[in-house]
Amino acid sequence: MKSNLLPQDLPYEKFITMGPEALTDSELLAIIIQSGTRTQNAVEVAGNVLKLSRYPKEGLLGLYELGIDELVEVEGIGKVKAIKLKTVAELSKRLSKQKAGLNLKFNDPVTVAEYFMESMRHRNNECLIMVCLDSKGLMLSETVISQGTVNKSLISGREVFLEALNQKAVSFILVHNHPSGDPTPSRSDIAFTNDILEMGYRLGIVLLDHIIIGDNKYYSFTEMGHFDNQT
């Protein structure tokens, strides 16, 4: 297919002469897509991919939400191109998490929330992660304890403390997401946290914090003072 773009507007040429920052989202995706159709160039096909997004409006964040079956419905996107696009989304998520991990401090809810934000805020169901720490506050493990449906995560204190004992943890942090995007704890979140906190004191394995991830927002039980009056 002959492109209807001027040479200086072709994504590859524009990248070389002006740098990646000068490219639009569609142009960046067009480099991944590589080719268009008989009636549309790669940039136009990429634009149609971005329009397919539902999160919360059209754009790059939709790549997290769109499945391969949905992507291949776009004219010019076959299974191979759909996989490439999903790979880009996954790489961006992992890069974001690794970057946050460089400054991760388990006694600082901000850095913990940043570390888990990109990997958890796009999930459609609730997921509970347990981070076990040693006596020096270093991470021993990061384990998914439970994955549930929207608004319900099937968790129990038994699962949490079996993992803590297995890892020989001295303390731990719980992190889970709210698919609604609002990190405000529910009554069941508060009750569960209080139960785990009490059980931890009895076993000598301290719950340092429970952080709820929303859409670019978080809620820290420690930061909000929930543990202040616990003994």
Protein backbone atom coordinates (compact mmCIF):
# COMPACT_ATOMS: atom_id res chain seq x y z
CA MET A 1 0.00 0.00 0.00
CA LYS A 2 1.28 3.44 -0.91
CA SER A 3 1.17 5.76 2.07
CA ASN A 4 -0.69 9.06 1.75
CA LEU A 5 1.66 10.67 4.29
CA LEU A 6 4.36 13.11 3.29
CA PRO A 7 7.91 11.76 3.80
CA GLN A 8 8.52 14.05 6.78
CA ASP A 9 5.33 12.78 8.42
CA LEU A 10 6.14 9.08 8.16
CA PRO A 11 6.60 7.71 11.70
CA TYR A 12 10.04 6.20 11.09
CA GLU A 13 11.42 9.34 9.46
CA LYS A 14 9.82 11.59 12.08
CA PHE A 15 11.30 9.44 14.87
CA ILE A 16 14.80 9.74 13.39
CA THR A 17 14.69 13.47 12.68
CA MET A 18 12.68 14.71 15.68
CA GLY A 19 12.87 11.99 18.33
CA PRO A 20 10.14 9.80 19.88
CA GLU A 21 8.75 12.66 21.96
CA ALA A 22 7.55 14.37 18.77
CA LEU A 23 5.36 11.44 17.72
CA THR A 24 1.68 11.16 18.53
CA ASP A 25 0.32 8.02 20.20
CA SER A 26 -1.00 6.85 16.83
CA GLU A 27 2.39 7.38 15.21
CA LEU A 28 4.20 5.43 17.93
CA LEU A 29 1.77 2.54 17.58
CA ALA A 30 2.11 2.71 13.79
CA ILE A 31 5.79 1.83 14.16
CA ILE A 32 4.76 -1.30 16.05
CA ILE A 33 1.97 -2.11 13.59
CA GLN A 34 4.32 -1.45 10.62
CA SER A 35 1.76 -1.65 7.81
CA GLY A 36 -1.76 -0.57 7.07
CA THR A 37 -4.46 -1.74 4.66
CA ARG A 38 -5.26 -0.95 1.04
CA THR A 39 -7.33 2.03 2.15
CA GLN A 40 -5.64 3.12 5.39
CA ASN A 41 -2.03 3.74 6.34
CA ALA A 42 -0.52 2.39 9.56
CA VAL A 43 -1.13 5.64 11.45
CA GLU A 44 -4.83 5.54 10.60
CA VAL A 45 -5.08 1.89 11.64
CA ALA A 46 -3.34 2.77 14.91
CA GLY A 47 -5.83 5.59 15.43
CA ASN A 48 -8.68 3.12 15.06
CA VAL A 49 -7.09 0.94 17.74
CA LEU A 50 -6.95 3.90 20.11
CA LYS A 51 -10.60 4.73 19.39
CA LEU A 52 -11.56 1.20 20.42
CA SER A 53 -10.39 1.90 23.97
CA ARG A 54 -12.90 2.11 26.82
CA TYR A 55 -10.55 3.16 29.62
CA PRO A 56 -12.03 5.59 30.54
CA LYS A 57 -11.89 7.19 27.11
CA GLU A 58 -10.04 6.42 23.93
CA GLY A 59 -6.26 6.32 24.22
CA LEU A 60 -3.23 4.23 25.09
CA LEU A 61 -4.53 3.06 28.46
CA GLY A 62 -7.14 1.04 26.60
CA LEU A 63 -4.46 -1.43 25.53
CA TYR A 64 -4.55 -2.79 29.07
CA GLU A 65 -8.26 -3.49 28.78
CA LEU A 66 -8.61 -4.66 25.20
CA GLY A 67 -8.31 -8.36 24.50
CA ILE A 68 -6.74 -9.90 21.41
CA ASP A 69 -10.20 -10.86 20.12
CA GLU A 70 -11.24 -7.21 20.28
CA LEU A 71 -8.06 -5.92 18.67
CA VAL A 72 -8.33 -8.21 15.65
CA GLU A 73 -11.75 -6.72 14.91
CA VAL A 74 -9.94 -3.55 13.78
CA GLU A 75 -9.29 -3.64 10.04
CA GLY A 76 -5.57 -4.09 9.49
CA ILE A 77 -4.93 -5.77 12.86
CA GLY A 78 -4.32 -9.51 12.70
CA LYS A 79 -3.42 -11.84 15.52
CA VAL A 80 0.32 -11.14 15.26
CA LYS A 81 -0.16 -7.37 15.42
CA ALA A 82 -2.63 -7.74 18.28
CA ILE A 83 -0.06 -9.75 20.23
CA LYS A 84 2.57 -7.07 19.55
CA LEU A 85 0.24 -4.37 20.90
CA LYS A 86 -0.54 -6.37 24.04
CA THR A 87 3.20 -6.95 24.47
CA VAL A 88 3.79 -3.19 24.41
CA ALA A 89 1.14 -2.73 27.11
CA GLU A 90 2.69 -5.44 29.28
CA LEU A 91 6.21 -4.05 28.84
CA SER A 92 5.07 -0.55 29.82
CA LYS A 93 3.44 -1.98 32.94
CA ARG A 94 6.59 -3.85 33.93
CA LEU A 95 8.85 -0.86 33.22
CA SER A 96 6.66 1.32 35.41
CA LYS A 97 6.79 -1.23 38.24
CA GLN A 98 10.56 -1.66 38.02
CA LYS A 99 11.09 2.11 38.01
CA ALA A 100 8.93 2.45 41.12
CA GLY A 101 10.84 -0.43 42.71
CA LEU A 102 14.09 1.55 42.62
CA ASN A 103 12.71 3.85 45.33
CA LEU A 104 10.64 1.26 47.16
CA LYS A 105 10.59 1.67 50.94
CA PHE A 106 8.24 -0.62 52.81
CA ASN A 107 7.81 1.88 55.65
CA ASP A 108 6.60 4.49 53.13
CA PRO A 109 3.06 3.84 51.78
CA VAL A 110 3.63 6.21 48.85
CA THR A 111 6.45 4.15 47.37
CA VAL A 112 4.62 0.87 47.98
CA ALA A 113 1.50 2.21 46.26
CA GLU A 114 3.58 3.46 43.32
CA TYR A 115 5.25 0.08 43.01
CA PHE A 116 1.94 -1.78 42.67
CA MET A 117 -0.15 0.92 40.98
CA GLU A 118 0.33 0.08 37.30
CA SER A 119 0.13 -3.68 37.73
CA MET A 120 -3.05 -3.56 39.81
CA ARG A 121 -5.17 -0.57 38.86
CA HIS A 122 -6.16 -2.03 35.48
CA ARG A 123 -7.41 -5.36 36.83
CA ASN A 124 -11.10 -6.21 36.43
CA ASN A 125 -11.21 -8.36 39.54
CA GLU A 126 -9.92 -8.01 43.08
CA CYS A 127 -6.50 -9.40 43.83
CA LEU A 128 -4.81 -9.64 47.22
CA ILE A 129 -1.01 -9.58 47.32
CA MET A 130 1.09 -10.29 50.39
CA VAL A 131 4.62 -8.90 50.71
CA CYS A 132 6.65 -10.74 53.34
CA LEU A 133 9.58 -8.98 55.01
CA ASP A 134 12.53 -10.17 57.06
CA SER A 135 13.90 -8.72 60.31
CA LYS A 136 15.75 -5.99 58.35
CA GLY A 137 12.63 -4.96 56.47
CA LEU A 138 13.80 -6.52 53.20
CA MET A 139 11.36 -8.31 50.91
CA LEU A 140 11.31 -12.09 51.16
CA SER A 141 8.46 -12.69 48.74
CA GLU A 142 5.60 -11.11 46.82
CA THR A 143 2.72 -13.56 46.62
CA VAL A 144 -0.80 -13.47 45.21
CA ILE A 145 -2.95 -14.79 48.06
CA SER A 146 -6.32 -14.49 46.39
CA GLN A 147 -8.01 -13.49 43.17
CA GLY A 148 -11.73 -12.94 43.27
CA THR A 149 -14.57 -11.47 41.28
CA VAL A 150 -15.41 -7.78 41.24
CA ASN A 151 -16.25 -6.54 44.75
CA LYS A 152 -15.40 -9.89 46.34
CA SER A 153 -12.09 -11.47 47.19
CA LEU A 154 -12.12 -14.86 48.89
CA ILE A 155 -9.46 -14.55 51.56
CA SER A 156 -8.83 -15.93 55.01
CA GLY A 157 -6.39 -15.31 57.81
CA ARG A 158 -5.26 -18.93 57.54
CA GLU A 159 -3.94 -18.42 53.99
CA VAL A 160 -2.16 -15.21 54.98
CA PHE A 161 -0.34 -16.64 57.97
CA LEU A 162 0.51 -19.95 56.33
CA GLU A 163 2.38 -17.91 53.73
CA ALA A 164 4.02 -15.76 56.41
CA LEU A 165 5.19 -18.82 58.34
CA ASN A 166 6.37 -20.53 55.16
CA GLN A 167 8.49 -17.48 54.29
CA LYS A 168 9.71 -17.08 57.89
CA ALA A 169 8.46 -13.51 57.76
CA VAL A 170 8.83 -11.11 60.68
CA SER A 171 6.34 -8.64 59.20
CA PHE A 172 4.25 -8.20 56.08
CA ILE A 173 2.18 -5.79 54.01
CA LEU A 174 -1.12 -6.52 52.28
CA VAL A 175 -2.02 -4.86 48.99
CA HIS A 176 -5.25 -5.25 47.09
CA ASN A 177 -7.12 -3.37 44.39
CA HIS A 178 -10.61 -1.97 43.96
CA PRO A 179 -11.73 -2.42 40.31
CA SER A 180 -14.14 0.50 40.78
CA GLY A 181 -11.13 2.82 40.98
CA ASP A 182 -12.14 4.12 44.42
CA PRO A 183 -9.67 2.92 47.08
CA THR A 184 -11.89 3.78 50.04
CA PRO A 185 -12.05 0.67 52.26
CA SER A 186 -15.35 -1.11 52.63
CA ARG A 187 -16.65 -2.39 55.96
CA SER A 188 -15.44 -5.86 55.05
CA ASP A 189 -11.99 -4.46 54.19
CA ILE A 190 -11.77 -2.83 57.61
CA ALA A 191 -13.04 -5.93 59.44
CA PHE A 192 -10.63 -8.20 57.58
CA THR A 193 -7.71 -5.88 58.26
CA ASN A 194 -8.50 -5.71 61.97
CA ASP A 195 -8.74 -9.51 62.16
CA ILE A 196 -5.39 -9.98 60.41
CA LEU A 197 -3.78 -7.33 62.59
CA GLU A 198 -4.98 -9.05 65.79
CA MET A 199 -3.91 -12.49 64.59
CA GLY A 200 -0.51 -11.10 63.68
CA TYR A 201 0.08 -9.75 67.15
CA ARG A 202 -0.80 -13.13 68.63
CA LEU A 203 1.63 -14.93 66.32
CA GLY A 204 4.36 -12.32 66.51
CA ILE A 205 4.15 -11.55 62.77
CA VAL A 206 3.27 -7.89 62.37
CA LEU A 207 0.98 -6.46 59.71
CA LEU A 208 2.70 -3.17 58.84
CA ASP A 209 0.08 -1.85 56.44
CA HIS A 210 -2.83 -2.71 54.20
CA ILE A 211 -2.84 -0.62 51.02
CA ILE A 212 -5.80 -0.47 48.67
CA ILE A 213 -5.06 0.48 45.07
CA GLY A 214 -7.57 2.53 43.08
CA ASP A 215 -7.22 4.34 39.77
CA ASN A 216 -4.06 6.39 40.35
CA LYS A 217 -5.14 6.68 43.99
CA TYR A 218 -4.46 4.60 47.06
CA TYR A 219 -5.57 4.17 50.66
CA SER A 220 -3.12 3.22 53.40
CA PHE A 221 -4.51 1.93 56.70
CA THR A 222 -1.31 2.96 58.47
CA GLU A 223 -1.22 6.40 56.87
CA MET A 224 -4.84 7.01 57.85
CA GLY A 225 -4.19 6.04 61.49
CA HIS A 226 -6.16 2.78 61.65
CA PHE A 227 -3.37 1.01 63.53
CA ASP A 228 -2.60 3.79 66.01
CA ASN A 229 -4.71 2.43 68.84
CA GLN A 230 -3.93 -1.24 68.27
CA THR A 231 -1.88 -3.14 70.82
